[in-house]
């Protein structure tokens, strides 16, 4: 049975995350909403570092949704071939751009319901874009957020959707900061293997699973 964080502990976790990461932003490089959406789409099961290596040439070749909508599939693949699932992602990027041109006058819609209608854009991608671009009070659960939520006793849910629900219920507001905080904390401190419990972690006293995962 998982040990869950109590209300006071949740408040303390929230406070520490906000103090530490209040100015945190995505590590993906982008200049506008179009570039951000592409970067987030490419980042699924691929590191931000790898995406940042790929995107400059891609953005130069296809600077607008219009340019990408008319792109040759094999050419798009050639730009992103070092990214995981590049075949599928290339198809989705072109379809997404075509939809933006046809249905949204070439402008990326800044609305969750509309974003998820685009090819290759699921709930998580839409939330990440909205969090980063508009500071929307939303939570997105990737592998880092999922791991941190469970280790700190903020959720014991088996699914991403339910974990997101638990985090929204626990934190209520400042979700855009807390999302970025949990991503960075999970990426650099509360890592999947050999988490930095005794050297860099500032949540050790609030951790519910320190002993059980430390051997990783």
Protein backbone atom coordinates (compact mmCIF):
# COMPACT_ATOMS: atom_id res chain seq x y z
CA UNK A 1 0.00 0.00 0.00
CA UNK A 2 1.46 3.34 -1.04
CA UNK A 3 2.02 5.97 1.65
CA UNK A 4 0.29 9.17 0.59
CA UNK A 5 1.31 12.73 1.40
CA UNK A 6 -0.86 14.53 3.95
CA UNK A 7 -2.36 17.96 3.32
CA UNK A 8 0.40 19.82 5.18
CA UNK A 9 3.05 17.86 3.32
CA UNK A 10 1.43 18.67 -0.03
CA UNK A 11 1.49 22.37 0.89
CA UNK A 12 5.19 22.12 1.77
CA UNK A 13 6.01 20.24 -1.46
CA UNK A 14 4.20 22.92 -3.44
CA UNK A 15 5.98 25.73 -1.60
CA UNK A 16 9.43 24.23 -2.17
CA UNK A 17 8.82 23.55 -5.85
CA UNK A 18 7.58 27.11 -6.45
CA UNK A 19 10.50 28.66 -4.54
CA UNK A 20 13.04 26.60 -6.44
CA UNK A 21 11.54 26.70 -9.94
CA UNK A 22 9.35 29.81 -10.12
CA UNK A 23 11.08 31.05 -13.28
CA UNK A 24 11.41 27.63 -14.93
CA UNK A 25 10.57 27.22 -18.60
CA UNK A 26 10.71 24.39 -21.06
CA UNK A 27 14.17 23.38 -22.23
CA UNK A 28 12.88 23.17 -25.80
CA UNK A 29 14.10 25.97 -28.07
CA UNK A 30 11.41 27.87 -29.98
CA UNK A 31 10.57 31.37 -31.20
CA UNK A 32 6.78 31.17 -31.60
CA UNK A 33 3.74 28.97 -30.96
CA UNK A 34 4.21 27.11 -34.26
CA UNK A 35 7.80 26.15 -33.39
CA UNK A 36 6.79 25.25 -29.83
CA UNK A 37 4.05 22.90 -31.01
CA UNK A 38 6.43 21.11 -33.38
CA UNK A 39 9.12 20.82 -30.68
CA UNK A 40 6.64 19.35 -28.18
CA UNK A 41 5.30 16.90 -30.78
CA UNK A 42 8.85 15.74 -31.54
CA UNK A 43 9.75 15.46 -27.85
CA UNK A 44 7.41 12.50 -27.25
CA UNK A 45 9.74 9.63 -26.25
CA UNK A 46 12.70 11.74 -27.38
CA UNK A 47 14.94 14.01 -25.28
CA UNK A 48 14.64 17.80 -25.41
CA UNK A 49 18.36 17.89 -26.16
CA UNK A 50 17.89 15.76 -29.29
CA UNK A 51 14.86 17.84 -30.39
CA UNK A 52 16.91 21.06 -30.06
CA UNK A 53 19.56 19.57 -32.37
CA UNK A 54 16.95 18.67 -35.00
CA UNK A 55 14.68 21.71 -35.05
CA UNK A 56 16.87 24.62 -36.28
CA UNK A 57 17.23 23.17 -39.80
CA UNK A 58 13.58 22.02 -39.80
CA UNK A 59 12.31 25.48 -38.81
CA UNK A 60 14.55 27.15 -41.40
CA UNK A 61 13.20 24.91 -44.16
CA UNK A 62 9.55 25.16 -43.01
CA UNK A 63 9.19 28.52 -41.21
CA UNK A 64 5.37 28.55 -41.35
CA UNK A 65 2.46 26.11 -41.22
CA UNK A 66 1.88 26.90 -44.91
CA UNK A 67 5.40 25.78 -45.83
CA UNK A 68 5.10 22.59 -43.77
CA UNK A 69 1.63 21.83 -45.17
CA UNK A 70 3.15 21.62 -48.67
CA UNK A 71 6.25 19.70 -47.59
CA UNK A 72 7.43 16.44 -49.11
CA UNK A 73 7.09 13.60 -46.60
CA UNK A 74 10.50 12.06 -47.30
CA UNK A 75 12.14 15.45 -46.96
CA UNK A 76 10.54 16.05 -43.55
CA UNK A 77 11.66 12.56 -42.50
CA UNK A 78 15.24 13.41 -43.51
CA UNK A 79 15.24 16.36 -41.08
CA UNK A 80 13.92 14.38 -38.11
CA UNK A 81 15.33 10.89 -38.76
CA UNK A 82 17.42 10.89 -35.56
CA UNK A 83 14.26 11.34 -33.50
CA UNK A 84 12.29 8.35 -32.20
CA UNK A 85 9.23 7.34 -34.29
CA UNK A 86 10.29 9.80 -37.00
CA UNK A 87 8.17 8.15 -39.72
CA UNK A 88 4.95 8.65 -37.81
CA UNK A 89 5.96 12.08 -36.51
CA UNK A 90 6.78 13.31 -40.02
CA UNK A 91 3.30 12.31 -41.26
CA UNK A 92 1.66 13.97 -38.26
CA UNK A 93 3.65 17.20 -38.66
CA UNK A 94 2.47 17.61 -42.26
CA UNK A 95 -1.14 16.69 -41.41
CA UNK A 96 -1.09 19.06 -38.44
CA UNK A 97 0.14 21.92 -40.65
CA UNK A 98 -2.45 21.14 -43.34
CA UNK A 99 -5.22 21.26 -40.74
CA UNK A 100 -3.91 24.55 -39.31
CA UNK A 101 -3.93 26.09 -42.80
CA UNK A 102 -7.35 24.68 -43.78
CA UNK A 103 -9.23 25.12 -40.52
CA UNK A 104 -7.46 27.87 -38.54
CA UNK A 105 -6.28 30.36 -41.20
CA UNK A 106 -2.68 29.28 -40.70
CA UNK A 107 -2.68 30.15 -36.99
CA UNK A 108 -2.05 27.55 -34.28
CA UNK A 109 -5.22 27.50 -32.11
CA UNK A 110 -4.54 28.41 -28.48
CA UNK A 111 -7.39 26.32 -27.18
CA UNK A 112 -7.09 22.83 -25.75
CA UNK A 113 -10.21 21.46 -27.48
CA UNK A 114 -8.97 22.70 -30.85
CA UNK A 115 -5.35 21.67 -30.34
CA UNK A 116 -6.26 18.03 -29.70
CA UNK A 117 -8.06 17.93 -33.04
CA UNK A 118 -4.69 18.32 -34.78
CA UNK A 119 -2.85 15.20 -35.99
CA UNK A 120 -0.29 13.96 -33.48
CA UNK A 121 -1.53 16.26 -30.71
CA UNK A 122 -2.90 14.47 -27.68
CA UNK A 123 -4.00 15.85 -24.35
CA UNK A 124 -0.48 15.90 -22.90
CA UNK A 125 1.01 17.75 -25.90
CA UNK A 126 -1.83 20.28 -25.85
CA UNK A 127 -1.34 20.87 -22.13
CA UNK A 128 2.43 21.30 -22.45
CA UNK A 129 1.94 23.89 -25.21
CA UNK A 130 -0.72 25.78 -23.22
CA UNK A 131 1.34 25.67 -20.01
CA UNK A 132 4.45 26.98 -21.71
CA UNK A 133 2.85 29.54 -24.02
CA UNK A 134 -0.04 30.90 -21.96
CA UNK A 135 0.83 29.82 -18.37
CA UNK A 136 -2.46 27.94 -18.35
CA UNK A 137 -3.46 26.37 -15.03
CA UNK A 138 -3.06 22.85 -16.40
CA UNK A 139 -0.98 19.80 -15.53
CA UNK A 140 0.75 17.51 -18.01
CA UNK A 141 2.13 14.17 -16.90
CA UNK A 142 5.22 12.82 -18.63
CA UNK A 143 7.52 10.08 -17.29
CA UNK A 144 9.31 12.53 -14.96
CA UNK A 145 6.12 13.99 -13.50
CA UNK A 146 4.62 10.52 -13.09
CA UNK A 147 7.70 9.28 -11.21
CA UNK A 148 7.98 12.32 -8.95
CA UNK A 149 4.24 12.29 -8.15
CA UNK A 150 4.44 8.69 -6.99
CA UNK A 151 7.70 9.03 -5.09
CA UNK A 152 6.40 12.02 -3.14
CA UNK A 153 3.09 10.31 -2.38
CA UNK A 154 1.04 12.78 -4.41
CA UNK A 155 -0.58 9.98 -6.39
CA UNK A 156 -0.75 6.21 -6.38
CA UNK A 157 -2.66 6.05 -9.67
CA UNK A 158 -1.68 3.52 -12.30
CA UNK A 159 -2.52 5.75 -15.27
CA UNK A 160 -1.24 9.08 -16.54
CA UNK A 161 -4.80 10.47 -16.68
CA UNK A 162 -5.59 9.62 -13.07
CA UNK A 163 -2.18 10.89 -11.91
CA UNK A 164 -2.91 14.20 -13.63
CA UNK A 165 -6.27 14.32 -11.85
CA UNK A 166 -4.61 13.66 -8.47
CA UNK A 167 -2.03 16.41 -9.01
CA UNK A 168 -4.64 18.98 -10.06
CA UNK A 169 -6.69 18.10 -6.97
CA UNK A 170 -3.63 18.26 -4.68
CA UNK A 171 -2.12 21.52 -5.97
CA UNK A 172 -5.18 23.35 -7.42
CA UNK A 173 -3.31 26.43 -8.67
CA UNK A 174 0.14 27.49 -9.94
CA UNK A 175 0.02 24.30 -11.99
CA UNK A 176 2.10 25.73 -14.84
CA UNK A 177 5.02 26.34 -12.44
CA UNK A 178 4.54 23.00 -10.72
CA UNK A 179 4.52 21.12 -14.02
CA UNK A 180 7.84 22.65 -15.08
CA UNK A 181 9.20 22.10 -11.56
CA UNK A 182 8.34 18.40 -11.53
CA UNK A 183 9.78 17.87 -15.02
CA UNK A 184 13.12 19.47 -14.11
CA UNK A 185 13.24 17.88 -10.65
CA UNK A 186 12.60 14.46 -12.20
CA UNK A 187 15.05 15.02 -15.03
CA UNK A 188 18.01 16.15 -12.93
CA UNK A 189 17.50 15.20 -9.28
CA UNK A 190 14.79 12.57 -8.78
CA UNK A 191 16.08 10.51 -11.68
CA UNK A 192 14.78 7.04 -12.57
CA UNK A 193 18.09 5.40 -11.73
CA UNK A 194 20.38 6.58 -8.92
CA UNK A 195 18.29 9.55 -7.76
CA UNK A 196 20.37 12.21 -6.02
CA UNK A 197 18.68 11.72 -2.63
CA UNK A 198 21.65 12.50 -0.42
CA UNK A 199 23.40 15.11 -2.51
CA UNK A 200 20.97 17.41 -4.32
CA UNK A 201 17.43 16.56 -3.25
CA UNK A 202 15.52 19.22 -1.30
CA UNK A 203 12.51 16.94 -0.79
CA UNK A 204 14.19 14.07 1.06
CA UNK A 205 12.24 14.60 4.29
CA UNK A 206 8.96 14.52 2.33
CA UNK A 207 9.76 11.51 0.16
CA UNK A 208 7.53 8.46 0.68
CA UNK A 209 9.61 5.93 -1.23
CA UNK A 210 13.27 6.79 -0.59
CA UNK A 211 14.20 3.38 0.73
CA UNK A 212 12.33 1.36 -1.86
CA UNK A 213 13.82 3.00 -4.95
CA UNK A 214 17.26 4.02 -3.79
CA UNK A 215 18.87 0.80 -4.91
CA UNK A 216 18.06 1.68 -8.56
